[in-house]
Amino acid sequence: MLKPGTRLKSAVCEAEFMIIKAADSDELTCGGIALDESSDRVEGVSDKMDGCVIGKRYINASESIEVLCVKTGEGSLYCNDEELMTKDTKKLPSSD
């Protein structure tokens, strides 16, 4: 069950994530392997190893899930076999 504030680790790289928004039925994977709270290492799926960047928020097309990367890694983030994309940052208003 994915709850906001939950921290998860990748089993294929050093990446760590924090859940911002998710549904109970969502399944998150990094590098093709499910995320969990342990730190056991396994080999990832080579075509799912495009990397993730610290400080970036990742969402799906419908924006029903949002995940914050808190530690960079080599694995790509997927939700229910759909690759998550980085969320566009909003420009702050000018303080002129």
Protein backbone atom coordinates (compact mmCIF):
# COMPACT_ATOMS: atom_id res chain seq x y z
CA MET A 1 0.00 0.00 0.00
CA LEU A 2 1.48 3.33 -1.08
CA LYS A 3 0.83 6.20 1.33
CA PRO A 4 2.09 9.79 1.06
CA GLY A 5 5.33 10.20 2.99
CA THR A 6 6.44 6.58 2.55
CA ARG A 7 10.11 6.24 1.55
CA LEU A 8 11.06 3.41 -0.80
CA LYS A 9 14.42 2.14 -2.06
CA SER A 10 15.37 0.69 -5.40
CA ALA A 11 16.68 -2.87 -5.44
CA VAL A 12 18.72 -2.27 -8.62
CA CYS A 13 20.58 0.97 -7.80
CA GLU A 14 21.15 3.60 -5.12
CA ALA A 15 17.89 5.48 -5.87
CA GLU A 16 15.44 6.35 -3.11
CA PHE A 17 11.96 7.84 -3.46
CA MET A 18 9.23 9.44 -1.36
CA ILE A 19 5.56 8.97 -2.24
CA ILE A 20 3.76 12.30 -2.69
CA LYS A 21 0.49 11.00 -4.14
CA ALA A 22 -0.60 7.45 -5.10
CA ALA A 23 -3.53 5.05 -5.25
CA ASP A 24 -3.63 1.82 -3.21
CA SER A 25 -3.57 -0.29 -6.39
CA ASP A 26 -0.44 1.37 -7.86
CA GLU A 27 2.70 -0.77 -8.22
CA LEU A 28 6.00 1.12 -8.43
CA THR A 29 9.12 -0.38 -9.97
CA CYS A 30 12.62 0.93 -10.59
CA GLY A 31 14.72 -0.77 -13.23
CA GLY A 32 11.98 -3.38 -13.65
CA ILE A 33 12.07 -4.51 -9.99
CA ALA A 34 9.47 -3.56 -7.34
CA LEU A 35 10.41 -0.80 -4.87
CA ASP A 36 10.41 -1.64 -1.17
CA GLU A 37 11.80 -0.44 2.15
CA SER A 38 14.73 -2.90 2.27
CA SER A 39 18.14 -2.49 0.70
CA ASP A 40 18.76 -5.91 -0.89
CA ARG A 41 20.41 -5.54 -4.33
CA VAL A 42 19.45 -7.42 -7.51
CA GLU A 43 20.16 -6.88 -11.21
CA GLY A 44 17.71 -4.65 -13.09
CA VAL A 45 16.17 -5.00 -16.55
CA SER A 46 18.62 -3.35 -18.96
CA ASP A 47 16.00 -1.45 -21.02
CA LYS A 48 14.55 0.08 -17.84
CA MET A 49 17.80 1.64 -16.62
CA ASP A 50 17.63 5.25 -17.92
CA GLY A 51 18.18 6.88 -14.53
CA CYS A 52 16.38 9.16 -12.10
CA VAL A 53 17.52 12.50 -10.71
CA ILE A 54 17.49 13.77 -7.12
CA GLY A 55 14.98 16.55 -6.44
CA LYS A 56 12.78 15.73 -9.46
CA ARG A 57 9.14 14.77 -9.13
CA TYR A 58 7.93 11.95 -11.35
CA ILE A 59 4.30 11.56 -12.52
CA ASN A 60 2.29 9.39 -14.91
CA ALA A 61 0.28 10.79 -17.84
CA SER A 62 -2.93 11.10 -15.80
CA GLU A 63 -1.05 12.60 -12.82
CA SER A 64 -2.66 10.04 -10.48
CA ILE A 65 0.73 9.27 -8.92
CA GLU A 66 3.55 11.61 -7.91
CA VAL A 67 6.91 10.46 -6.55
CA LEU A 68 9.88 12.57 -5.39
CA CYS A 69 13.39 11.25 -6.04
CA VAL A 70 15.43 11.79 -2.86
CA LYS A 71 18.57 9.94 -4.02
CA THR A 72 19.84 9.62 -7.61
CA GLY A 73 20.18 6.20 -9.25
CA GLU A 74 20.51 4.42 -12.59
CA GLY A 75 17.05 2.79 -12.70
CA SER A 76 13.97 4.28 -14.40
CA LEU A 77 10.76 4.68 -12.41
CA TYR A 78 7.59 2.90 -13.59
CA CYS A 79 4.05 2.69 -12.23
CA ASN A 80 1.92 -0.23 -13.41
CA ASP A 81 4.37 -0.74 -16.36
CA GLU A 82 4.02 2.91 -17.49
CA GLU A 83 7.26 4.91 -17.36
CA LEU A 84 6.95 7.97 -15.16
CA MET A 85 8.05 11.32 -16.56
CA THR A 86 9.47 14.33 -14.76
CA LYS A 87 6.92 16.88 -13.65
CA ASP A 88 7.37 20.33 -15.18
CA THR A 89 8.48 22.97 -12.73
CA LYS A 90 6.40 26.07 -12.30
CA LYS A 91 8.02 29.47 -12.70
CA LEU A 92 7.90 31.62 -9.60
CA PRO A 93 6.40 35.08 -9.97
CA SER A 94 8.79 37.96 -10.39
CA SER A 95 9.46 40.01 -7.28
CA ASP A 96 10.09 43.29 -9.12
